[in-house]
Amino acid sequence: MQRMVSEMSMTLVNGCRLAGLAFTFSLGVLLQLLGCILWHNWWPLLTAFMYVLVPMPYLFFGTGSSTSASIYGGSSMASGWIDAGKFLTGFSAIGSIAVPAILYHAQKIESGALWMEVAAVVVLGGTVCAFDYFNSSDSGYYTY
């Protein structure tokens, strides 16, 4: 009986975590769209393209698991590809902030739209970090 109550409480906690992640993701997308709608300028939506590019190197080059080392025969080549994936992920993540900054510098968007876009990047980045934290703490529940 106690085991069943414990499992139900873990399911409730995990459901609340998932709902919180969904809410913060929705808030980030809302900020992204408000940055465009409030200033009647759709140039800041170019940042959404960067959101698609950010996870690609991580997905293509792997996560650093032991299976990727076995693909390359246990050589240091696996480490090189993993490091390249991390570098490209970081490079494209910086682009999420750089695109609105460049648009502001080129006077295509106003400062309010810039700060709305930066807030959206921070909220969405925090959502991804929270998901990664929850995924590592609950290794069996949130799996890719």
Protein backbone atom coordinates (compact mmCIF):
# COMPACT_ATOMS: atom_id res chain seq x y z
CA MET A 1 0.00 0.00 0.00
CA GLN A 2 2.78 2.42 0.92
CA ARG A 3 4.62 1.61 -2.30
CA MET A 4 1.52 2.46 -4.33
CA VAL A 5 1.12 5.79 -2.48
CA SER A 6 4.80 6.53 -3.08
CA GLU A 7 4.44 5.81 -6.81
CA MET A 8 1.34 8.00 -7.02
CA SER A 9 3.09 10.88 -5.28
CA MET A 10 6.08 10.59 -7.65
CA THR A 11 3.69 10.62 -10.62
CA LEU A 12 2.06 13.77 -9.24
CA VAL A 13 5.43 15.45 -8.69
CA ASN A 14 6.58 14.54 -12.19
CA GLY A 15 3.30 15.80 -13.64
CA CYS A 16 3.75 19.13 -11.84
CA ARG A 17 7.30 19.39 -13.16
CA LEU A 18 6.10 18.72 -16.68
CA ALA A 19 3.30 21.28 -16.33
CA GLY A 20 5.79 23.86 -15.05
CA LEU A 21 8.11 23.19 -17.98
CA ALA A 22 5.21 23.51 -20.41
CA PHE A 23 4.17 26.81 -18.81
CA THR A 24 7.66 28.32 -18.98
CA PHE A 25 8.10 27.15 -22.58
CA SER A 26 4.76 28.75 -23.48
CA LEU A 27 5.85 31.94 -21.71
CA GLY A 28 9.05 32.03 -23.76
CA VAL A 29 7.15 31.58 -27.02
CA LEU A 30 4.69 34.29 -25.93
CA LEU A 31 7.55 36.70 -25.25
CA GLN A 32 9.00 35.84 -28.65
CA LEU A 33 5.72 36.65 -30.39
CA LEU A 34 5.08 39.78 -28.31
CA GLY A 35 8.47 41.10 -29.37
CA CYS A 36 7.13 41.02 -32.91
CA ILE A 37 3.49 42.00 -32.39
CA LEU A 38 3.90 44.96 -30.03
CA TRP A 39 6.35 46.76 -32.31
CA HIS A 40 4.68 45.72 -35.61
CA ASN A 41 7.90 44.24 -36.90
CA TRP A 42 8.46 40.57 -37.70
CA TRP A 43 12.26 40.69 -38.03
CA PRO A 44 12.79 39.40 -34.45
CA LEU A 45 11.16 36.13 -35.47
CA LEU A 46 14.48 35.23 -37.12
CA THR A 47 15.56 34.19 -33.63
CA ALA A 48 13.10 31.30 -33.83
CA PHE A 49 15.25 29.88 -36.63
CA MET A 50 18.15 29.74 -34.17
CA TYR A 51 16.01 27.73 -31.74
CA VAL A 52 15.82 25.04 -34.41
CA LEU A 53 19.57 25.15 -35.04
CA VAL A 54 20.68 25.01 -31.38
CA PRO A 55 19.98 21.30 -30.70
CA MET A 56 21.15 20.04 -34.10
CA PRO A 57 24.89 19.64 -33.35
CA TYR A 58 24.00 18.02 -30.01
CA LEU A 59 21.77 15.53 -31.81
CA PHE A 60 24.19 14.85 -34.68
CA PHE A 61 27.43 14.54 -32.73
CA GLY A 62 26.07 12.72 -29.70
CA THR A 63 25.82 13.24 -25.99
CA GLY A 64 29.03 11.65 -24.84
CA SER A 65 27.61 8.25 -23.97
CA SER A 66 29.69 5.11 -23.96
CA THR A 67 27.95 3.92 -27.14
CA SER A 68 29.49 6.75 -29.16
CA ALA A 69 32.95 5.70 -27.98
CA SER A 70 32.26 2.14 -29.10
CA ILE A 71 31.22 3.38 -32.56
CA TYR A 72 34.69 4.85 -33.04
CA GLY A 73 36.41 1.81 -31.56
CA GLY A 74 37.13 3.48 -28.22
CA SER A 75 39.51 5.99 -29.81
CA SER A 76 39.90 9.65 -28.98
CA MET A 77 38.08 10.46 -32.22
CA ALA A 78 34.79 10.13 -30.31
CA SER A 79 35.88 12.85 -27.92
CA GLY A 80 36.74 15.14 -30.82
CA TRP A 81 33.31 14.78 -32.40
CA ILE A 82 31.59 15.29 -29.07
CA ASP A 83 33.65 18.42 -28.41
CA ALA A 84 32.81 19.71 -31.90
CA GLY A 85 29.12 19.17 -31.20
CA LYS A 86 29.36 21.05 -27.93
CA PHE A 87 31.21 23.92 -29.60
CA LEU A 88 28.65 24.22 -32.40
CA THR A 89 25.78 24.05 -29.92
CA GLY A 90 27.29 26.90 -27.91
CA PHE A 91 28.01 28.87 -31.08
CA SER A 92 24.40 28.60 -32.25
CA ALA A 93 23.09 29.38 -28.75
CA ILE A 94 25.05 32.64 -28.75
CA GLY A 95 23.44 33.33 -32.12
CA SER A 96 20.06 33.38 -30.39
CA ILE A 97 21.15 36.54 -28.60
CA ALA A 98 23.31 37.88 -31.42
CA VAL A 99 20.55 37.93 -34.04
CA PRO A 100 18.33 40.43 -32.17
CA ALA A 101 21.40 42.48 -31.20
CA ILE A 102 22.50 42.72 -34.83
CA LEU A 103 18.97 43.63 -35.90
CA TYR A 104 18.91 46.38 -33.28
CA HIS A 105 22.31 47.65 -34.37
CA ALA A 106 21.11 47.74 -37.98
CA GLN A 107 18.05 49.69 -36.75
CA LYS A 108 15.63 47.05 -37.99
CA ILE A 109 14.05 46.61 -34.53
CA GLU A 110 13.54 48.89 -31.54
CA SER A 111 15.09 48.49 -28.12
CA GLY A 112 11.85 47.17 -26.60
CA ALA A 113 11.72 44.37 -29.14
CA LEU A 114 15.38 43.61 -28.44
CA TRP A 115 14.77 43.24 -24.70
CA MET A 116 11.62 41.17 -25.31
CA GLU A 117 13.65 38.81 -27.49
CA VAL A 118 16.47 38.58 -24.94
CA ALA A 119 13.89 37.79 -22.23
CA ALA A 120 12.44 35.06 -24.47
CA VAL A 121 15.92 33.56 -24.95
CA VAL A 122 16.54 33.60 -21.19
CA VAL A 123 13.17 31.98 -20.39
CA LEU A 124 13.53 29.30 -23.08
CA GLY A 125 17.14 28.62 -22.07
CA GLY A 126 16.07 28.28 -18.44
CA THR A 127 13.37 25.85 -19.53
CA VAL A 128 15.90 23.69 -21.34
CA CYS A 129 18.25 23.76 -18.32
CA ALA A 130 15.38 22.81 -15.99
CA PHE A 131 14.38 19.96 -18.30
CA ASP A 132 17.97 18.71 -18.36
CA TYR A 133 18.13 18.90 -14.56
CA PHE A 134 14.86 17.01 -14.13
CA ASN A 135 15.95 14.48 -16.73
CA SER A 136 19.19 13.79 -14.88
CA SER A 137 17.52 13.56 -11.46
CA ASP A 138 14.72 11.27 -12.73
CA SER A 139 16.67 9.08 -15.08
CA GLY A 140 13.77 6.72 -15.71
CA TYR A 141 10.87 9.11 -16.22
CA TYR A 142 11.84 11.76 -18.78
CA THR A 143 13.64 9.91 -21.52
CA TYR A 144 14.34 11.10 -25.04
